[in-house]
Amino acid sequence: ADRRTSGAAALLRWKHPERGTVSPVEFIPVLEETGLIVPVGEGVLRRACEDLKAWLAAGLDPGPVSVNLSARQFRLPDLDSRLKAIVVAAGVAPSLVELEITESQLVQDPDHAIRMMRSLCDAGMRIAIDDFGTGYSSLSYLTRFPVGALKIDRSFVRDLIDDSSDATIVRTIIEMAHS
């Protein structure tokens, strides 16, 4: 309503010199499979922090910037120290960094997920669960995860206006998240 930016998302794109723009659906799985997603993901966070710093220096208030964490990144035992170091080196407030983790990543190793999320939250960063509602997690885990936002899966939101079942599910998720 006040026409101010409330946040942004750092999105990885590949502009190939011959093929043009290559969809992330094509190249992200290759990065995951080869392990290159770890340095690429850290580079995305580094760039997002540099952009944040530049926007703030220009007098802009961009709000938090969301950065996706890959499954391979999230499994790293030292993920929290790596991400904290990037944010500190960039000199931006950790509260301006929101890390997005898919719901399916959380249930692979819930104890690791809780440790990482708590450590990152204690450092001041926000955690968002992306693709929420895809059916992978137990609702009992939600009470244990320090989550700042739930990003409801597009399969529920896409037909929200026309499908009363989707509307009911989305309303329930929102009420649950608030409580």
C-alpha atoms as a PDB file:
ATOM      1  CA  ALA A   1       0.000   0.000   0.000  1.00  0.00           C
ATOM      2  CA  ASP A   2       2.867   2.418   0.729  1.00  0.00           C
ATOM      3  CA  ARG A   3       4.724   1.336  -2.466  1.00  0.00           C
ATOM      4  CA  ARG A   4       7.856   0.449  -0.518  1.00  0.00           C
ATOM      5  CA  THR A   5       9.935  -2.609  -1.222  1.00  0.00           C
ATOM      6  CA  SER A   6       9.289  -5.294   1.370  1.00  0.00           C
ATOM      7  CA  GLY A   7      11.988  -7.711   0.232  1.00  0.00           C
ATOM      8  CA  ALA A   8      13.736  -9.327  -2.689  1.00  0.00           C
ATOM      9  CA  ALA A   9      14.889 -12.743  -3.835  1.00  0.00           C
ATOM     10  CA  ALA A  10      18.285 -13.673  -5.213  1.00  0.00           C
ATOM     11  CA  LEU A  11      17.701 -15.864  -8.244  1.00  0.00           C
ATOM     12  CA  LEU A  12      20.412 -17.692 -10.152  1.00  0.00           C
ATOM     13  CA  ARG A  13      20.218 -17.339 -13.934  1.00  0.00           C
ATOM     14  CA  TRP A  14      22.526 -18.551 -16.698  1.00  0.00           C
ATOM     15  CA  LYS A  15      22.880 -16.568 -19.904  1.00  0.00           C
ATOM     16  CA  HIS A  16      24.694 -18.884 -22.297  1.00  0.00           C
ATOM     17  CA  PRO A  17      26.475 -17.116 -25.193  1.00  0.00           C
ATOM     18  CA  GLU A  18      24.904 -19.410 -27.811  1.00  0.00           C
ATOM     19  CA  ARG A  19      21.820 -20.945 -26.172  1.00  0.00           C
ATOM     20  CA  GLY A  20      20.555 -17.767 -24.557  1.00  0.00           C
ATOM     21  CA  THR A  21      18.928 -18.021 -21.147  1.00  0.00           C
ATOM     22  CA  VAL A  22      19.153 -21.556 -19.769  1.00  0.00           C
ATOM     23  CA  SER A  23      16.416 -22.530 -17.324  1.00  0.00           C
ATOM     24  CA  PRO A  24      17.475 -23.320 -13.747  1.00  0.00           C
ATOM     25  CA  VAL A  25      15.474 -26.537 -14.164  1.00  0.00           C
ATOM     26  CA  GLU A  26      18.230 -27.608 -16.573  1.00  0.00           C
ATOM     27  CA  PHE A  27      21.385 -26.540 -14.758  1.00  0.00           C
ATOM     28  CA  ILE A  28      20.604 -26.689 -11.014  1.00  0.00           C
ATOM     29  CA  PRO A  29      20.342 -30.524 -10.989  1.00  0.00           C
ATOM     30  CA  VAL A  30      23.760 -30.729 -12.674  1.00  0.00           C
ATOM     31  CA  LEU A  31      25.235 -28.371 -10.078  1.00  0.00           C
ATOM     32  CA  GLU A  32      23.675 -30.480  -7.307  1.00  0.00           C
ATOM     33  CA  GLU A  33      24.908 -33.755  -8.765  1.00  0.00           C
ATOM     34  CA  THR A  34      28.491 -32.544  -9.262  1.00  0.00           C
ATOM     35  CA  GLY A  35      28.727 -30.720  -5.938  1.00  0.00           C
ATOM     36  CA  LEU A  36      29.351 -27.407  -7.683  1.00  0.00           C
ATOM     37  CA  ILE A  37      26.157 -26.136  -6.079  1.00  0.00           C
ATOM     38  CA  VAL A  38      28.088 -25.504  -2.849  1.00  0.00           C
ATOM     39  CA  PRO A  39      30.501 -22.866  -4.226  1.00  0.00           C
ATOM     40  CA  VAL A  40      27.816 -21.519  -6.563  1.00  0.00           C
ATOM     41  CA  GLY A  41      25.331 -21.211  -3.686  1.00  0.00           C
ATOM     42  CA  GLU A  42      27.908 -19.442  -1.550  1.00  0.00           C
ATOM     43  CA  GLY A  43      28.619 -17.124  -4.470  1.00  0.00           C
ATOM     44  CA  VAL A  44      24.919 -16.300  -4.759  1.00  0.00           C
ATOM     45  CA  LEU A  45      24.777 -15.407  -1.052  1.00  0.00           C
ATOM     46  CA  ARG A  46      27.962 -13.348  -1.377  1.00  0.00           C
ATOM     47  CA  ARG A  47      26.527 -11.446  -4.362  1.00  0.00           C
ATOM     48  CA  ALA A  48      23.192 -10.905  -2.603  1.00  0.00           C
ATOM     49  CA  CYS A  49      25.037  -9.443   0.401  1.00  0.00           C
ATOM     50  CA  GLU A  50      27.158  -7.201  -1.855  1.00  0.00           C
ATOM     51  CA  ASP A  51      24.000  -5.962  -3.593  1.00  0.00           C
ATOM     52  CA  LEU A  52      22.330  -5.352  -0.229  1.00  0.00           C
ATOM     53  CA  LYS A  53      25.317  -3.320   0.911  1.00  0.00           C
ATOM     54  CA  ALA A  54      25.275  -1.261  -2.306  1.00  0.00           C
ATOM     55  CA  TRP A  55      21.532  -0.626  -2.055  1.00  0.00           C
ATOM     56  CA  LEU A  56      21.866   0.492   1.555  1.00  0.00           C
ATOM     57  CA  ALA A  57      24.804   2.784   0.655  1.00  0.00           C
ATOM     58  CA  ALA A  58      22.599   4.325  -2.044  1.00  0.00           C
ATOM     59  CA  GLY A  59      19.980   5.140   0.600  1.00  0.00           C
ATOM     60  CA  LEU A  60      17.554   2.403  -0.416  1.00  0.00           C
ATOM     61  CA  ASP A  61      15.656   0.189   2.001  1.00  0.00           C
ATOM     62  CA  PRO A  62      15.357  -3.122   0.162  1.00  0.00           C
ATOM     63  CA  GLY A  63      14.072  -5.195   3.060  1.00  0.00           C
ATOM     64  CA  PRO A  64      15.437  -8.713   3.497  1.00  0.00           C
ATOM     65  CA  VAL A  65      16.828 -10.640   0.546  1.00  0.00           C
ATOM     66  CA  SER A  66      15.897 -14.316   0.266  1.00  0.00           C
ATOM     67  CA  VAL A  67      18.527 -16.792  -0.856  1.00  0.00           C
ATOM     68  CA  ASN A  68      17.766 -20.450  -1.550  1.00  0.00           C
ATOM     69  CA  LEU A  69      19.903 -23.114   0.060  1.00  0.00           C
ATOM     70  CA  SER A  70      20.377 -26.298  -1.930  1.00  0.00           C
ATOM     71  CA  ALA A  71      19.886 -29.748  -0.456  1.00  0.00           C
ATOM     72  CA  ARG A  72      23.613 -30.463  -0.738  1.00  0.00           C
ATOM     73  CA  GLN A  73      24.503 -27.174   0.940  1.00  0.00           C
ATOM     74  CA  PHE A  74      22.047 -27.767   3.737  1.00  0.00           C
ATOM     75  CA  ARG A  75      23.626 -31.138   4.555  1.00  0.00           C
ATOM     76  CA  LEU A  76      27.081 -29.595   5.152  1.00  0.00           C
ATOM     77  CA  PRO A  77      28.131 -29.999   8.799  1.00  0.00           C
ATOM     78  CA  ASP A  78      29.683 -26.508   8.800  1.00  0.00           C
ATOM     79  CA  LEU A  79      26.959 -24.752   6.798  1.00  0.00           C
ATOM     80  CA  ASP A  80      26.217 -22.283   9.573  1.00  0.00           C
ATOM     81  CA  SER A  81      29.822 -21.119   9.969  1.00  0.00           C
ATOM     82  CA  ARG A  82      30.226 -20.791   6.183  1.00  0.00           C
ATOM     83  CA  LEU A  83      27.118 -18.639   5.818  1.00  0.00           C
ATOM     84  CA  LYS A  84      27.853 -16.534   8.876  1.00  0.00           C
ATOM     85  CA  ALA A  85      31.358 -15.813   7.527  1.00  0.00           C
ATOM     86  CA  ILE A  86      29.948 -14.629   4.187  1.00  0.00           C
ATOM     87  CA  VAL A  87      27.458 -12.277   5.845  1.00  0.00           C
ATOM     88  CA  VAL A  88      30.062 -10.898   8.277  1.00  0.00           C
ATOM     89  CA  ALA A  89      32.604 -10.378   5.475  1.00  0.00           C
ATOM     90  CA  ALA A  90      30.011  -8.461   3.464  1.00  0.00           C
ATOM     91  CA  GLY A  91      29.279  -6.178   6.399  1.00  0.00           C
ATOM     92  CA  VAL A  92      25.499  -6.379   6.184  1.00  0.00           C
ATOM     93  CA  ALA A  93      23.067  -6.905   9.016  1.00  0.00           C
ATOM     94  CA  PRO A  94      22.222 -10.621   9.267  1.00  0.00           C
ATOM     95  CA  SER A  95      18.566  -9.636   9.747  1.00  0.00           C
ATOM     96  CA  LEU A  96      18.529  -8.624   6.070  1.00  0.00           C
ATOM     97  CA  VAL A  97      19.299 -12.198   4.993  1.00  0.00           C
ATOM     98  CA  GLU A  98      16.509 -14.738   4.690  1.00  0.00           C
ATOM     99  CA  LEU A  99      17.559 -18.292   3.914  1.00  0.00           C
ATOM    100  CA  GLU A 100      15.027 -20.458   2.078  1.00  0.00           C
ATOM    101  CA  ILE A 101      15.009 -24.179   2.731  1.00  0.00           C
ATOM    102  CA  THR A 102      12.551 -26.518   1.070  1.00  0.00           C
ATOM    103  CA  GLU A 103      10.264 -28.519   3.299  1.00  0.00           C
ATOM    104  CA  SER A 104      11.666 -31.794   1.947  1.00  0.00           C
ATOM    105  CA  GLN A 105      15.211 -30.839   3.072  1.00  0.00           C
ATOM    106  CA  LEU A 106      14.128 -30.523   6.675  1.00  0.00           C
ATOM    107  CA  VAL A 107      12.857 -34.044   7.124  1.00  0.00           C
ATOM    108  CA  GLN A 108      15.951 -35.811   5.768  1.00  0.00           C
ATOM    109  CA  ASP A 109      17.808 -35.149   9.027  1.00  0.00           C
ATOM    110  CA  PRO A 110      15.595 -33.162  11.409  1.00  0.00           C
ATOM    111  CA  ASP A 111      18.218 -32.947  14.181  1.00  0.00           C
ATOM    112  CA  HIS A 112      20.787 -31.457  11.784  1.00  0.00           C
ATOM    113  CA  ALA A 113      18.115 -29.112  10.409  1.00  0.00           C
ATOM    114  CA  ILE A 114      17.199 -27.870  13.874  1.00  0.00           C
ATOM    115  CA  ARG A 115      20.875 -27.328  14.823  1.00  0.00           C
ATOM    116  CA  MET A 116      21.614 -25.408  11.630  1.00  0.00           C
ATOM    117  CA  MET A 117      18.442 -23.344  11.744  1.00  0.00           C
ATOM    118  CA  ARG A 118      18.934 -22.402  15.398  1.00  0.00           C
ATOM    119  CA  SER A 119      22.559 -21.435  14.793  1.00  0.00           C
ATOM    120  CA  LEU A 120      21.653 -19.268  11.800  1.00  0.00           C
ATOM    121  CA  CYS A 121      18.716 -17.684  13.645  1.00  0.00           C
ATOM    122  CA  ASP A 122      20.927 -17.005  16.670  1.00  0.00           C
ATOM    123  CA  ALA A 123      23.256 -15.156  14.289  1.00  0.00           C
ATOM    124  CA  GLY A 124      20.310 -12.956  13.276  1.00  0.00           C
ATOM    125  CA  MET A 125      19.323 -14.482   9.931  1.00  0.00           C
ATOM    126  CA  ARG A 126      15.759 -15.451   9.091  1.00  0.00           C
ATOM    127  CA  ILE A 127      14.681 -18.885   7.927  1.00  0.00           C
ATOM    128  CA  ALA A 128      11.835 -19.505   5.497  1.00  0.00           C
ATOM    129  CA  ILE A 129      10.449 -22.887   4.562  1.00  0.00           C
ATOM    130  CA  ASP A 130       9.868 -22.923   0.820  1.00  0.00           C
ATOM    131  CA  ASP A 131       7.383 -25.148  -1.032  1.00  0.00           C
ATOM    132  CA  PHE A 132       5.488 -25.686   2.208  1.00  0.00           C
ATOM    133  CA  GLY A 133       2.597 -28.105   2.067  1.00  0.00           C
ATOM    134  CA  THR A 134       4.097 -30.598  -0.347  1.00  0.00           C
ATOM    135  CA  GLY A 135       3.424 -33.338   2.170  1.00  0.00           C
ATOM    136  CA  TYR A 136       6.915 -34.265   3.252  1.00  0.00           C
ATOM    137  CA  SER A 137       7.029 -33.003   6.803  1.00  0.00           C
ATOM    138  CA  SER A 138       5.274 -33.898   9.956  1.00  0.00           C
ATOM    139  CA  LEU A 139       3.493 -30.962  11.509  1.00  0.00           C
ATOM    140  CA  SER A 140       5.100 -31.877  14.830  1.00  0.00           C
ATOM    141  CA  TYR A 141       8.473 -30.831  13.367  1.00  0.00           C
ATOM    142  CA  LEU A 142       7.154 -27.352  12.688  1.00  0.00           C
ATOM    143  CA  THR A 143       7.038 -26.541  16.375  1.00  0.00           C
ATOM    144  CA  ARG A 144      10.738 -27.457  16.670  1.00  0.00           C
ATOM    145  CA  PHE A 145      11.985 -25.441  13.681  1.00  0.00           C
ATOM    146  CA  PRO A 146      12.809 -21.747  14.252  1.00  0.00           C
ATOM    147  CA  VAL A 147      10.977 -20.500  11.179  1.00  0.00           C
ATOM    148  CA  GLY A 148      10.268 -16.883  10.271  1.00  0.00           C
ATOM    149  CA  ALA A 149       8.147 -17.584   7.184  1.00  0.00           C
ATOM    150  CA  LEU A 150       6.306 -20.355   5.393  1.00  0.00           C
ATOM    151  CA  LYS A 151       6.182 -20.014   1.621  1.00  0.00           C
ATOM    152  CA  ILE A 152       3.204 -22.059   0.530  1.00  0.00           C
ATOM    153  CA  ASP A 153       3.778 -24.355  -2.433  1.00  0.00           C
ATOM    154  CA  ARG A 154       2.505 -22.974  -5.728  1.00  0.00           C
ATOM    155  CA  SER A 155       0.317 -26.047  -6.281  1.00  0.00           C
ATOM    156  CA  PHE A 156      -2.021 -24.635  -3.598  1.00  0.00           C
ATOM    157  CA  VAL A 157      -1.772 -20.985  -4.559  1.00  0.00           C
ATOM    158  CA  ARG A 158      -2.098 -21.366  -8.345  1.00  0.00           C
ATOM    159  CA  ASP A 159      -5.857 -22.104  -8.283  1.00  0.00           C
ATOM    160  CA  LEU A 160      -6.633 -20.354  -5.027  1.00  0.00           C
ATOM    161  CA  ILE A 161      -9.388 -18.179  -6.483  1.00  0.00           C
ATOM    162  CA  ASP A 162     -11.181 -20.993  -8.302  1.00  0.00           C
ATOM    163  CA  ASP A 163     -10.637 -23.956  -5.966  1.00  0.00           C
ATOM    164  CA  SER A 164     -12.294 -23.765  -2.556  1.00  0.00           C
ATOM    165  CA  SER A 165     -10.253 -26.754  -1.321  1.00  0.00           C
ATOM    166  CA  ASP A 166      -7.007 -24.930  -2.071  1.00  0.00           C
ATOM    167  CA  ALA A 167      -8.367 -21.810  -0.390  1.00  0.00           C
ATOM    168  CA  THR A 168      -9.218 -23.825   2.722  1.00  0.00           C
ATOM    169  CA  ILE A 169      -5.759 -25.412   2.835  1.00  0.00           C
ATOM    170  CA  VAL A 170      -3.991 -22.063   2.367  1.00  0.00           C
ATOM    171  CA  ARG A 171      -6.162 -20.406   5.032  1.00  0.00           C
ATOM    172  CA  THR A 172      -5.402 -23.269   7.443  1.00  0.00           C
ATOM    173  CA  ILE A 173      -1.649 -23.061   6.799  1.00  0.00           C
ATOM    174  CA  ILE A 174      -1.693 -19.307   7.387  1.00  0.00           C
ATOM    175  CA  GLU A 175      -3.661 -19.670  10.639  1.00  0.00           C
ATOM    176  CA  MET A 176      -1.330 -22.451  11.781  1.00  0.00           C
ATOM    177  CA  ALA A 177       1.747 -20.362  10.947  1.00  0.00           C
ATOM    178  CA  HIS A 178       0.431 -17.385  12.900  1.00  0.00           C
ATOM    179  CA  SER A 179      -0.192 -19.491  15.973  1.00  0.00           C
END
